């Protein structure tokens, strides 16, 4: 019981400190709640956009052509350039 009385007296006597701590607590809680709300809304937007877009990417590489070009008698640098050009065109 003495602890509660001392706490109450301290709160009443130190009004500035109590006010500052209360405001600080209020600001921190406001930021936490607003951050949580923003995070939740962004998750919902991401899910709805993911469902709307439904993007599917498939990559096919023609390994036979690559192996034939590697086995040809051209220089190594020209082979690499041609391969890079073919890949960039796809």
Protein backbone atom coordinates (compact mmCIF):
# COMPACT_ATOMS: atom_id res chain seq x y z
CA UNK A 1 0.00 0.00 0.00
CA UNK A 2 2.89 2.34 0.81
CA UNK A 3 4.23 1.86 -2.70
CA UNK A 4 0.98 3.02 -4.27
CA UNK A 5 0.81 6.08 -1.99
CA UNK A 6 4.42 7.05 -2.83
CA UNK A 7 3.72 6.58 -6.53
CA UNK A 8 0.65 8.81 -6.36
CA UNK A 9 2.47 11.52 -4.36
CA UNK A 10 5.43 11.43 -6.77
CA UNK A 11 3.10 11.79 -9.74
CA UNK A 12 1.33 14.77 -8.17
CA UNK A 13 4.53 16.49 -7.00
CA UNK A 14 6.52 16.06 -10.22
CA UNK A 15 3.97 17.35 -12.72
CA UNK A 16 6.48 18.39 -15.43
CA UNK A 17 8.21 15.03 -15.52
CA UNK A 18 4.89 13.18 -15.50
CA UNK A 19 3.59 15.33 -18.36
CA UNK A 20 6.76 14.85 -20.43
CA UNK A 21 6.76 11.08 -19.92
CA UNK A 22 3.05 10.89 -20.71
CA UNK A 23 3.48 12.86 -23.94
CA UNK A 24 6.48 10.77 -24.93
CA UNK A 25 4.52 7.59 -24.30
CA UNK A 26 1.61 8.95 -26.35
CA UNK A 27 3.88 9.89 -29.28
CA UNK A 28 5.59 6.49 -29.34
CA UNK A 29 2.28 4.64 -29.23
CA UNK A 30 0.89 6.83 -32.02
CA UNK A 31 3.88 6.04 -34.24
CA UNK A 32 3.61 2.33 -33.52
CA UNK A 33 -0.10 2.18 -34.27
CA UNK A 34 0.20 4.24 -37.47
CA UNK A 35 3.18 2.15 -38.64
CA UNK A 36 1.23 -1.03 -38.06
CA UNK A 37 -1.75 0.36 -39.98
CA UNK A 38 0.44 1.41 -42.92
CA UNK A 39 2.15 -1.98 -42.98
CA UNK A 40 -1.17 -3.82 -43.01
CA UNK A 41 -2.60 -1.66 -45.79
CA UNK A 42 0.54 -2.13 -47.90
CA UNK A 43 0.26 -5.90 -47.51
CA UNK A 44 -3.34 -5.77 -48.71
CA UNK A 45 -2.40 -3.60 -51.71
CA UNK A 46 0.44 -5.96 -52.58
CA UNK A 47 -1.83 -9.01 -52.44
CA UNK A 48 -4.55 -7.41 -54.57
CA UNK A 49 -2.04 -6.24 -57.17
CA UNK A 50 -0.37 -9.64 -57.25
CA UNK A 51 -3.73 -11.26 -57.92
CA UNK A 52 -4.62 -8.74 -60.64
CA UNK A 53 -1.32 -8.91 -62.51
CA UNK A 54 -0.83 -12.70 -62.32
CA UNK A 55 2.57 -12.45 -64.00
CA UNK A 56 4.12 -15.70 -65.17
CA UNK A 57 7.61 -15.70 -66.63
CA UNK A 58 9.15 -18.62 -68.43
CA UNK A 59 12.67 -18.79 -69.83
CA UNK A 60 13.69 -21.25 -72.50
CA UNK A 61 17.29 -21.70 -73.53
CA UNK A 62 18.22 -23.54 -76.70
CA UNK A 63 21.24 -25.50 -75.49
CA UNK A 64 21.82 -27.22 -78.83
CA UNK A 65 22.45 -23.92 -80.58
CA UNK A 66 24.76 -22.76 -77.84
CA UNK A 67 26.78 -25.98 -77.96
CA UNK A 68 27.06 -25.81 -81.78
CA UNK A 69 28.35 -22.24 -81.60
CA UNK A 70 30.83 -23.15 -78.90
CA UNK A 71 32.18 -26.02 -81.01
CA UNK A 72 32.54 -23.93 -84.18
CA UNK A 73 35.98 -22.70 -85.30
CA UNK A 74 35.35 -18.99 -84.53
CA UNK A 75 37.39 -17.10 -81.95
CA UNK A 76 36.17 -17.18 -78.36
CA UNK A 77 35.42 -13.48 -78.09
CA UNK A 78 33.22 -13.38 -81.18
CA UNK A 79 31.29 -16.39 -79.88
CA UNK A 80 30.63 -14.65 -76.62
CA UNK A 81 29.48 -11.50 -78.39
CA UNK A 82 27.10 -13.44 -80.62
CA UNK A 83 25.71 -15.39 -77.70
CA UNK A 84 25.16 -12.24 -75.72
CA UNK A 85 23.43 -10.63 -78.68
CA UNK A 86 21.14 -13.63 -79.11
CA UNK A 87 20.28 -13.72 -75.43
CA UNK A 88 19.63 -9.99 -75.30
CA UNK A 89 17.28 -10.22 -78.30
CA UNK A 90 15.12 -12.83 -76.57
